[in-house]
Amino acid sequence: MAEREEDASLGPALGDEEAVRRILAGETALFEVLMRRYNQRLFRVARAILRDEGEAEDVMQQAYVNAYTHLHQFEQRARFSTWLTRIAVHEALARRRKRARFEEVDAMADRDGDGKDAEERFTAKGLSPEDEVIRGEMRKALESAIDAIPEIYRSVFLFREVEAMSTAEAALCLGISEDTVKTRLHRARSLLRQEMFERAGLTAGALFPLHLSRCDTVVAGVFAALGLPPPASPQCNCPGGYCVPENQRN
């Protein structure tokens, strides 16, 4: 029974601050608990800044080394997750600056260069193989679009929308004001929407088109329900050609 209680102490019930206290007291094995708890977040943070999975893993490792080395400096004025995330952000930014010193990289040159990303498999319950393929393609398209927007917006979007951080926590991690977080998030959403449309070769007006037959049916049905004479134009003549033929349905 005592052994089971010891194992349970390594689970989700163990708070970050308590884990830190015990690690500093000599239970160094507990650092694994914190690492596994925040691996996903740190990977996403580093990946958003560097756009390279290999470098993101390197940043994760160095961030954890830095955190462990300076664990005694964690003063609990912010949450441990925020403190750790800031370390990862600083490490990723430092690596990006170092890389920039050796490479002449156009910020937009890699917009379509996501083929190098490793293929990931999703095994969501209830999805057919075809649905999984579609889901995978949508995920890659979204990741590619996120990669294409500038880093200052990409980081804020990831913190707020992917990691579900509060505005205050995101601001603390990035070292910017809460108002700046809000402004950048709004801009990130706008850029991401535009990027997705451009990649699909669409405009907003091209989404959910009303096809000719449906347009005709709706008009005729309304006239009939109102007891009005049949419409003068039984076939669609919508201004601007918004309706499209059925045989052009995507």
C-alpha atoms as a PDB file:
ATOM      1  CA  MET A   1       0.000   0.000   0.000  1.00  0.00           C
ATOM      2  CA  ALA A   2       2.820   2.406   0.835  1.00  0.00           C
ATOM      3  CA  GLU A   3       4.394   1.697  -2.531  1.00  0.00           C
ATOM      4  CA  ARG A   4       1.134   2.551  -4.323  1.00  0.00           C
ATOM      5  CA  GLU A   5       0.886   5.826  -2.408  1.00  0.00           C
ATOM      6  CA  GLU A   6       4.419   6.677  -3.499  1.00  0.00           C
ATOM      7  CA  ASP A   7       3.474   6.026  -7.149  1.00  0.00           C
ATOM      8  CA  ALA A   8       0.331   8.140  -6.806  1.00  0.00           C
ATOM      9  CA  SER A   9       2.422  11.076  -5.663  1.00  0.00           C
ATOM     10  CA  LEU A  10       3.916  11.205  -9.152  1.00  0.00           C
ATOM     11  CA  GLY A  11       0.547  11.693 -10.814  1.00  0.00           C
ATOM     12  CA  PRO A  12      -1.568  14.713 -11.799  1.00  0.00           C
ATOM     13  CA  ALA A  13      -2.544  15.340  -8.162  1.00  0.00           C
ATOM     14  CA  LEU A  14       0.976  16.529  -7.395  1.00  0.00           C
ATOM     15  CA  GLY A  15       0.994  20.309  -7.774  1.00  0.00           C
ATOM     16  CA  ASP A  16       3.806  22.116  -9.560  1.00  0.00           C
ATOM     17  CA  GLU A  17       4.927  24.065  -6.502  1.00  0.00           C
ATOM     18  CA  GLU A  18       4.939  20.959  -4.311  1.00  0.00           C
ATOM     19  CA  ALA A  19       6.948  19.104  -6.951  1.00  0.00           C
ATOM     20  CA  VAL A  20       9.477  21.936  -7.064  1.00  0.00           C
ATOM     21  CA  ARG A  21       9.771  21.924  -3.276  1.00  0.00           C
ATOM     22  CA  ARG A  22      10.389  18.189  -3.202  1.00  0.00           C
ATOM     23  CA  ILE A  23      12.877  18.337  -6.075  1.00  0.00           C
ATOM     24  CA  LEU A  24      14.869  21.007  -4.254  1.00  0.00           C
ATOM     25  CA  ALA A  25      14.726  18.807  -1.151  1.00  0.00           C
ATOM     26  CA  GLY A  26      16.434  15.986  -3.043  1.00  0.00           C
ATOM     27  CA  GLU A  27      13.662  14.068  -4.872  1.00  0.00           C
ATOM     28  CA  THR A  28      15.202  14.861  -8.255  1.00  0.00           C
ATOM     29  CA  ALA A  29      13.289  12.070 -10.012  1.00  0.00           C
ATOM     30  CA  LEU A  30      10.155  14.201  -9.692  1.00  0.00           C
ATOM     31  CA  PHE A  31      11.502  16.568 -12.336  1.00  0.00           C
ATOM     32  CA  GLU A  32      10.278  14.020 -14.881  1.00  0.00           C
ATOM     33  CA  VAL A  33       6.722  14.703 -13.737  1.00  0.00           C
ATOM     34  CA  LEU A  34       7.090  18.385 -14.591  1.00  0.00           C
ATOM     35  CA  MET A  35       8.758  17.623 -17.904  1.00  0.00           C
ATOM     36  CA  ARG A  36       6.015  15.276 -19.066  1.00  0.00           C
ATOM     37  CA  ARG A  37       3.394  17.715 -17.865  1.00  0.00           C
ATOM     38  CA  TYR A  38       4.739  20.556 -20.010  1.00  0.00           C
ATOM     39  CA  ASN A  39       6.439  18.809 -22.939  1.00  0.00           C
ATOM     40  CA  GLN A  40       3.571  19.568 -25.306  1.00  0.00           C
ATOM     41  CA  ARG A  41       3.404  23.231 -24.369  1.00  0.00           C
ATOM     42  CA  LEU A  42       7.135  23.829 -24.654  1.00  0.00           C
ATOM     43  CA  PHE A  43       7.297  22.050 -27.993  1.00  0.00           C
ATOM     44  CA  ARG A  44       4.505  24.211 -29.379  1.00  0.00           C
ATOM     45  CA  VAL A  45       6.103  27.373 -28.034  1.00  0.00           C
ATOM     46  CA  ALA A  46       9.492  26.609 -29.566  1.00  0.00           C
ATOM     47  CA  ARG A  47       7.948  25.297 -32.785  1.00  0.00           C
ATOM     48  CA  ALA A  48       5.912  28.490 -33.218  1.00  0.00           C
ATOM     49  CA  ILE A  49       9.026  30.654 -32.934  1.00  0.00           C
ATOM     50  CA  LEU A  50      11.491  28.533 -34.898  1.00  0.00           C
ATOM     51  CA  ARG A  51       9.224  26.681 -37.363  1.00  0.00           C
ATOM     52  CA  ASP A  52      11.485  23.653 -37.103  1.00  0.00           C
ATOM     53  CA  GLU A  53      10.652  20.530 -35.121  1.00  0.00           C
ATOM     54  CA  GLY A  54      14.255  19.469 -34.622  1.00  0.00           C
ATOM     55  CA  GLU A  55      15.271  22.846 -33.245  1.00  0.00           C
ATOM     56  CA  ALA A  56      12.129  22.914 -31.120  1.00  0.00           C
ATOM     57  CA  GLU A  57      13.217  19.692 -29.433  1.00  0.00           C
ATOM     58  CA  ASP A  58      16.670  21.149 -28.822  1.00  0.00           C
ATOM     59  CA  VAL A  59      15.090  24.224 -27.248  1.00  0.00           C
ATOM     60  CA  MET A  60      12.915  22.050 -25.022  1.00  0.00           C
ATOM     61  CA  GLN A  61      15.935  20.180 -23.723  1.00  0.00           C
ATOM     62  CA  GLN A  62      17.935  23.335 -23.065  1.00  0.00           C
ATOM     63  CA  ALA A  63      14.958  25.043 -21.432  1.00  0.00           C
ATOM     64  CA  TYR A  64      14.542  22.130 -19.041  1.00  0.00           C
ATOM     65  CA  VAL A  65      18.264  22.140 -18.272  1.00  0.00           C
ATOM     66  CA  ASN A  66      18.123  25.868 -17.568  1.00  0.00           C
ATOM     67  CA  ALA A  67      14.995  25.459 -15.444  1.00  0.00           C
ATOM     68  CA  TYR A  68      16.472  22.657 -13.376  1.00  0.00           C
ATOM     69  CA  THR A  69      19.737  24.515 -12.905  1.00  0.00           C
ATOM     70  CA  HIS A  70      17.938  27.639 -11.698  1.00  0.00           C
ATOM     71  CA  LEU A  71      15.047  25.934  -9.937  1.00  0.00           C
ATOM     72  CA  HIS A  72      16.046  27.561  -6.664  1.00  0.00           C
ATOM     73  CA  GLN A  73      15.317  30.931  -8.295  1.00  0.00           C
ATOM     74  CA  PHE A  74      11.647  30.085  -8.807  1.00  0.00           C
ATOM     75  CA  GLU A  75       9.971  32.343  -6.273  1.00  0.00           C
ATOM     76  CA  GLN A  76       6.320  31.503  -7.009  1.00  0.00           C
ATOM     77  CA  ARG A  77       5.495  35.101  -7.887  1.00  0.00           C
ATOM     78  CA  ALA A  78       4.102  33.600 -11.093  1.00  0.00           C
ATOM     79  CA  ARG A  79       2.885  30.085 -11.783  1.00  0.00           C
ATOM     80  CA  PHE A  80       5.590  27.511 -12.459  1.00  0.00           C
ATOM     81  CA  SER A  81       4.133  26.874 -15.924  1.00  0.00           C
ATOM     82  CA  THR A  82       4.543  30.562 -16.774  1.00  0.00           C
ATOM     83  CA  TRP A  83       8.084  30.657 -15.389  1.00  0.00           C
ATOM     84  CA  LEU A  84       9.034  27.567 -17.399  1.00  0.00           C
ATOM     85  CA  THR A  85       7.381  28.853 -20.564  1.00  0.00           C
ATOM     86  CA  ARG A  86       9.294  32.129 -20.353  1.00  0.00           C
ATOM     87  CA  ILE A  87      12.543  30.176 -20.169  1.00  0.00           C
ATOM     88  CA  ALA A  88      11.579  28.285 -23.322  1.00  0.00           C
ATOM     89  CA  VAL A  89      10.575  31.497 -25.108  1.00  0.00           C
ATOM     90  CA  HIS A  90      13.896  33.154 -24.264  1.00  0.00           C
ATOM     91  CA  GLU A  91      15.852  30.098 -25.395  1.00  0.00           C
ATOM     92  CA  ALA A  92      13.926  29.888 -28.675  1.00  0.00           C
ATOM     93  CA  LEU A  93      14.403  33.590 -29.394  1.00  0.00           C
ATOM     94  CA  ALA A  94      18.107  33.343 -28.603  1.00  0.00           C
ATOM     95  CA  ARG A  95      18.465  30.398 -30.958  1.00  0.00           C
ATOM     96  CA  ARG A  96      16.618  32.274 -33.682  1.00  0.00           C
ATOM     97  CA  ARG A  97      18.900  35.289 -33.298  1.00  0.00           C
ATOM     98  CA  LYS A  98      21.960  33.050 -33.427  1.00  0.00           C
ATOM     99  CA  ARG A  99      20.663  31.345 -36.546  1.00  0.00           C
ATOM    100  CA  ALA A 100      20.004  34.708 -38.178  1.00  0.00           C
ATOM    101  CA  ARG A 101      23.637  35.663 -37.753  1.00  0.00           C
ATOM    102  CA  PHE A 102      24.691  32.761 -39.953  1.00  0.00           C
ATOM    103  CA  GLU A 103      21.897  32.656 -42.483  1.00  0.00           C
ATOM    104  CA  GLU A 104      20.368  35.223 -44.816  1.00  0.00           C
ATOM    105  CA  VAL A 105      16.746  34.202 -44.671  1.00  0.00           C
ATOM    106  CA  ASP A 106      13.833  35.982 -46.251  1.00  0.00           C
ATOM    107  CA  ALA A 107      11.009  35.825 -43.716  1.00  0.00           C
ATOM    108  CA  MET A 108       8.473  34.905 -46.389  1.00  0.00           C
ATOM    109  CA  ALA A 109      10.626  32.455 -48.337  1.00  0.00           C
ATOM    110  CA  ASP A 110       9.515  29.485 -46.273  1.00  0.00           C
ATOM    111  CA  ARG A 111       5.790  30.093 -46.539  1.00  0.00           C
ATOM    112  CA  ASP A 112       5.263  27.007 -48.631  1.00  0.00           C
ATOM    113  CA  GLY A 113       8.132  24.976 -47.289  1.00  0.00           C
ATOM    114  CA  ASP A 114       6.303  22.697 -44.856  1.00  0.00           C
ATOM    115  CA  GLY A 115       6.910  19.453 -46.704  1.00  0.00           C
ATOM    116  CA  LYS A 116       9.833  18.790 -44.381  1.00  0.00           C
ATOM    117  CA  ASP A 117       7.558  18.458 -41.368  1.00  0.00           C
ATOM    118  CA  ALA A 118       7.239  14.924 -40.065  1.00  0.00           C
ATOM    119  CA  GLU A 119       3.992  13.130 -40.889  1.00  0.00           C
ATOM    120  CA  GLU A 120       1.837  12.639 -37.815  1.00  0.00           C
ATOM    121  CA  ARG A 121      -0.858  10.046 -37.389  1.00  0.00           C
ATOM    122  CA  PHE A 122      -4.147  10.781 -35.690  1.00  0.00           C
ATOM    123  CA  THR A 123      -6.256   7.924 -34.439  1.00  0.00           C
ATOM    124  CA  ALA A 124      -9.363   9.760 -33.289  1.00  0.00           C
ATOM    125  CA  LYS A 125     -12.141   7.448 -32.189  1.00  0.00           C
ATOM    126  CA  GLY A 126     -15.084   7.119 -34.501  1.00  0.00           C
ATOM    127  CA  LEU A 127     -13.317   8.443 -37.598  1.00  0.00           C
ATOM    128  CA  SER A 128     -13.139   6.422 -40.779  1.00  0.00           C
ATOM    129  CA  PRO A 129      -9.790   6.112 -42.591  1.00  0.00           C
ATOM    130  CA  GLU A 130     -11.054   8.677 -45.098  1.00  0.00           C
ATOM    131  CA  ASP A 131     -12.000  11.072 -42.294  1.00  0.00           C
ATOM    132  CA  GLU A 132      -8.578  10.631 -40.717  1.00  0.00           C
ATOM    133  CA  VAL A 133      -6.910  11.524 -44.011  1.00  0.00           C
ATOM    134  CA  ILE A 134      -9.086  14.618 -44.367  1.00  0.00           C
ATOM    135  CA  ARG A 135      -8.402  15.597 -40.772  1.00  0.00           C
ATOM    136  CA  GLY A 136      -4.684  15.163 -41.297  1.00  0.00           C
ATOM    137  CA  GLU A 137      -4.751  17.327 -44.427  1.00  0.00           C
ATOM    138  CA  MET A 138      -6.719  20.028 -42.626  1.00  0.00           C
ATOM    139  CA  ARG A 139      -4.275  19.965 -39.730  1.00  0.00           C
ATOM    140  CA  LYS A 140      -1.299  20.321 -42.052  1.00  0.00           C
ATOM    141  CA  ALA A 141      -3.003  23.154 -43.915  1.00  0.00           C
ATOM    142  CA  LEU A 142      -3.689  24.983 -40.655  1.00  0.00           C
ATOM    143  CA  GLU A 143      -0.160  24.438 -39.346  1.00  0.00           C
ATOM    144  CA  SER A 144       1.245  25.683 -42.641  1.00  0.00           C
ATOM    145  CA  ALA A 145      -0.938  28.783 -42.499  1.00  0.00           C
ATOM    146  CA  ILE A 146       0.097  29.471 -38.902  1.00  0.00           C
ATOM    147  CA  ASP A 147       3.747  29.110 -39.892  1.00  0.00           C
ATOM    148  CA  ALA A 148       3.261  31.695 -42.640  1.00  0.00           C
ATOM    149  CA  ILE A 149       2.189  34.568 -40.393  1.00  0.00           C
ATOM    150  CA  PRO A 150       4.877  36.686 -38.650  1.00  0.00           C
ATOM    151  CA  GLU A 151       6.280  35.267 -35.430  1.00  0.00           C
ATOM    152  CA  ILE A 152       5.014  38.066 -33.171  1.00  0.00           C
ATOM    153  CA  TYR A 153       1.455  37.148 -34.156  1.00  0.00           C
ATOM    154  CA  ARG A 154       2.104  33.414 -34.356  1.00  0.00           C
ATOM    155  CA  SER A 155       3.338  33.247 -30.756  1.00  0.00           C
ATOM    156  CA  VAL A 156       0.379  35.161 -29.380  1.00  0.00           C
ATOM    157  CA  PHE A 157      -2.059  33.007 -31.362  1.00  0.00           C
ATOM    158  CA  LEU A 158      -0.451  29.837 -30.051  1.00  0.00           C
ATOM    159  CA  PHE A 159      -0.476  30.983 -26.426  1.00  0.00           C
ATOM    160  CA  ARG A 160      -4.067  32.206 -26.469  1.00  0.00           C
ATOM    161  CA  GLU A 161      -5.826  29.858 -28.903  1.00  0.00           C
ATOM    162  CA  VAL A 162      -3.808  26.636 -28.737  1.00  0.00           C
ATOM    163  CA  GLU A 163      -2.522  26.643 -25.165  1.00  0.00           C
ATOM    164  CA  ALA A 164      -5.591  28.524 -23.887  1.00  0.00           C
ATOM    165  CA  MET A 165      -3.490  30.860 -21.743  1.00  0.00           C
ATOM    166  CA  SER A 166      -5.086  33.930 -20.265  1.00  0.00           C
ATOM    167  CA  THR A 167      -4.211  37.314 -21.721  1.00  0.00           C
ATOM    168  CA  ALA A 168      -2.242  38.134 -18.576  1.00  0.00           C
ATOM    169  CA  GLU A 169      -0.225  34.910 -18.674  1.00  0.00           C
ATOM    170  CA  ALA A 170       0.562  35.275 -22.369  1.00  0.00           C
ATOM    171  CA  ALA A 171       1.698  38.846 -21.762  1.00  0.00           C
ATOM    172  CA  LEU A 172       3.967  37.720 -18.939  1.00  0.00           C
ATOM    173  CA  CYS A 173       5.494  34.905 -20.995  1.00  0.00           C
ATOM    174  CA  LEU A 174       6.201  37.185 -23.948  1.00  0.00           C
ATOM    175  CA  GLY A 175       7.209  40.237 -21.952  1.00  0.00           C
ATOM    176  CA  ILE A 176       4.597  42.501 -23.533  1.00  0.00           C
ATOM    177  CA  SER A 177       1.516  44.327 -22.292  1.00  0.00           C
ATOM    178  CA  GLU A 178      -1.937  42.760 -22.172  1.00  0.00           C
ATOM    179  CA  ASP A 179      -3.193  45.344 -24.655  1.00  0.00           C
ATOM    180  CA  THR A 180      -0.447  44.294 -27.061  1.00  0.00           C
ATOM    181  CA  VAL A 181      -1.495  40.657 -26.658  1.00  0.00           C
ATOM    182  CA  LYS A 182      -5.073  41.565 -27.535  1.00  0.00           C
ATOM    183  CA  THR A 183      -4.023  43.629 -30.545  1.00  0.00           C
ATOM    184  CA  ARG A 184      -1.690  40.950 -31.870  1.00  0.00           C
ATOM    185  CA  LEU A 185      -4.275  38.217 -31.358  1.00  0.00           C
ATOM    186  CA  HIS A 186      -6.814  40.170 -33.386  1.00  0.00           C
ATOM    187  CA  ARG A 187      -4.244  40.689 -36.131  1.00  0.00           C
ATOM    188  CA  ALA A 188      -3.187  37.031 -36.000  1.00  0.00           C
ATOM    189  CA  ARG A 189      -6.747  35.867 -36.552  1.00  0.00           C
ATOM    190  CA  SER A 190      -7.129  38.231 -39.480  1.00  0.00           C
ATOM    191  CA  LEU A 191      -3.848  37.136 -41.079  1.00  0.00           C
ATOM    192  CA  LEU A 192      -4.611  33.473 -40.532  1.00  0.00           C
ATOM    193  CA  ARG A 193      -8.037  33.788 -42.113  1.00  0.00           C
ATOM    194  CA  GLN A 194      -6.531  35.589 -45.114  1.00  0.00           C
ATOM    195  CA  GLU A 195      -3.754  33.001 -45.402  1.00  0.00           C
ATOM    196  CA  MET A 196      -6.223  30.111 -45.389  1.00  0.00           C
ATOM    197  CA  PHE A 197      -8.301  31.746 -48.116  1.00  0.00           C
ATOM    198  CA  GLU A 198      -5.238  32.406 -50.248  1.00  0.00           C
ATOM    199  CA  ARG A 199      -3.955  28.867 -49.898  1.00  0.00           C
ATOM    200  CA  ALA A 200      -7.334  27.535 -50.963  1.00  0.00           C
ATOM    201  CA  GLY A 201      -7.492  29.980 -53.871  1.00  0.00           C
ATOM    202  CA  LEU A 202     -10.749  31.360 -52.526  1.00  0.00           C
ATOM    203  CA  THR A 203     -12.314  34.592 -51.400  1.00  0.00           C
ATOM    204  CA  ALA A 204     -14.853  34.878 -48.605  1.00  0.00           C
ATOM    205  CA  GLY A 205     -17.592  35.282 -51.183  1.00  0.00           C
ATOM    206  CA  ALA A 206     -16.756  31.903 -52.698  1.00  0.00           C
ATOM    207  CA  LEU A 207     -17.700  29.995 -49.549  1.00  0.00           C
ATOM    208  CA  PHE A 208     -21.022  28.162 -49.291  1.00  0.00           C
ATOM    209  CA  PRO A 209     -22.251  29.209 -52.741  1.00  0.00           C
ATOM    210  CA  LEU A 210     -25.958  29.194 -53.503  1.00  0.00           C
ATOM    211  CA  HIS A 211     -26.420  27.003 -56.556  1.00  0.00           C
ATOM    212  CA  LEU A 212     -28.745  27.921 -59.397  1.00  0.00           C
ATOM    213  CA  SER A 213     -31.399  25.286 -58.785  1.00  0.00           C
ATOM    214  CA  ARG A 214     -31.637  26.118 -55.092  1.00  0.00           C
ATOM    215  CA  CYS A 215     -31.909  29.822 -55.837  1.00  0.00           C
ATOM    216  CA  ASP A 216     -34.742  29.155 -58.261  1.00  0.00           C
ATOM    217  CA  THR A 217     -36.517  26.849 -55.818  1.00  0.00           C
ATOM    218  CA  VAL A 218     -36.340  29.338 -52.942  1.00  0.00           C
ATOM    219  CA  VAL A 219     -37.664  32.202 -55.048  1.00  0.00           C
ATOM    220  CA  ALA A 220     -40.520  30.129 -56.410  1.00  0.00           C
ATOM    221  CA  GLY A 221     -41.382  28.774 -52.967  1.00  0.00           C
ATOM    222  CA  VAL A 222     -41.553  32.231 -51.378  1.00  0.00           C
ATOM    223  CA  PHE A 223     -43.753  33.590 -54.168  1.00  0.00           C
ATOM    224  CA  ALA A 224     -46.083  30.618 -53.788  1.00  0.00           C
ATOM    225  CA  ALA A 225     -46.235  30.933 -49.984  1.00  0.00           C
ATOM    226  CA  LEU A 226     -47.154  34.601 -50.306  1.00  0.00           C
ATOM    227  CA  GLY A 227     -49.796  33.881 -52.906  1.00  0.00           C
ATOM    228  CA  LEU A 228     -48.036  36.064 -55.468  1.00  0.00           C
ATOM    229  CA  PRO A 229     -47.979  35.472 -59.192  1.00  0.00           C
ATOM    230  CA  PRO A 230     -45.049  33.304 -60.360  1.00  0.00           C
ATOM    231  CA  PRO A 231     -41.771  35.223 -60.541  1.00  0.00           C
ATOM    232  CA  ALA A 232     -41.121  37.079 -63.753  1.00  0.00           C
ATOM    233  CA  SER A 233     -37.735  35.364 -64.086  1.00  0.00           C
ATOM    234  CA  PRO A 234     -38.188  31.654 -63.342  1.00  0.00           C
ATOM    235  CA  GLN A 235     -34.435  31.214 -63.708  1.00  0.00           C
ATOM    236  CA  CYS A 236     -31.788  32.895 -61.614  1.00  0.00           C
ATOM    237  CA  ASN A 237     -30.490  36.274 -62.729  1.00  0.00           C
ATOM    238  CA  CYS A 238     -28.817  37.282 -59.474  1.00  0.00           C
ATOM    239  CA  PRO A 239     -26.648  40.392 -59.864  1.00  0.00           C
ATOM    240  CA  GLY A 240     -22.935  39.689 -59.837  1.00  0.00           C
ATOM    241  CA  GLY A 241     -23.367  36.052 -60.809  1.00  0.00           C
ATOM    242  CA  TYR A 242     -23.256  34.848 -57.202  1.00  0.00           C
ATOM    243  CA  CYS A 243     -25.108  31.625 -57.921  1.00  0.00           C
ATOM    244  CA  VAL A 244     -23.179  28.857 -59.613  1.00  0.00           C
ATOM    245  CA  PRO A 245     -24.302  25.908 -61.750  1.00  0.00           C
ATOM    246  CA  GLU A 246     -24.765  22.576 -60.000  1.00  0.00           C
ATOM    247  CA  ASN A 247     -22.096  20.967 -62.180  1.00  0.00           C
ATOM    248  CA  GLN A 248     -19.532  23.404 -60.758  1.00  0.00           C
ATOM    249  CA  ARG A 249     -20.102  22.334 -57.179  1.00  0.00           C
ATOM    250  CA  ASN A 250     -16.802  21.476 -55.507  1.00  0.00           C
END
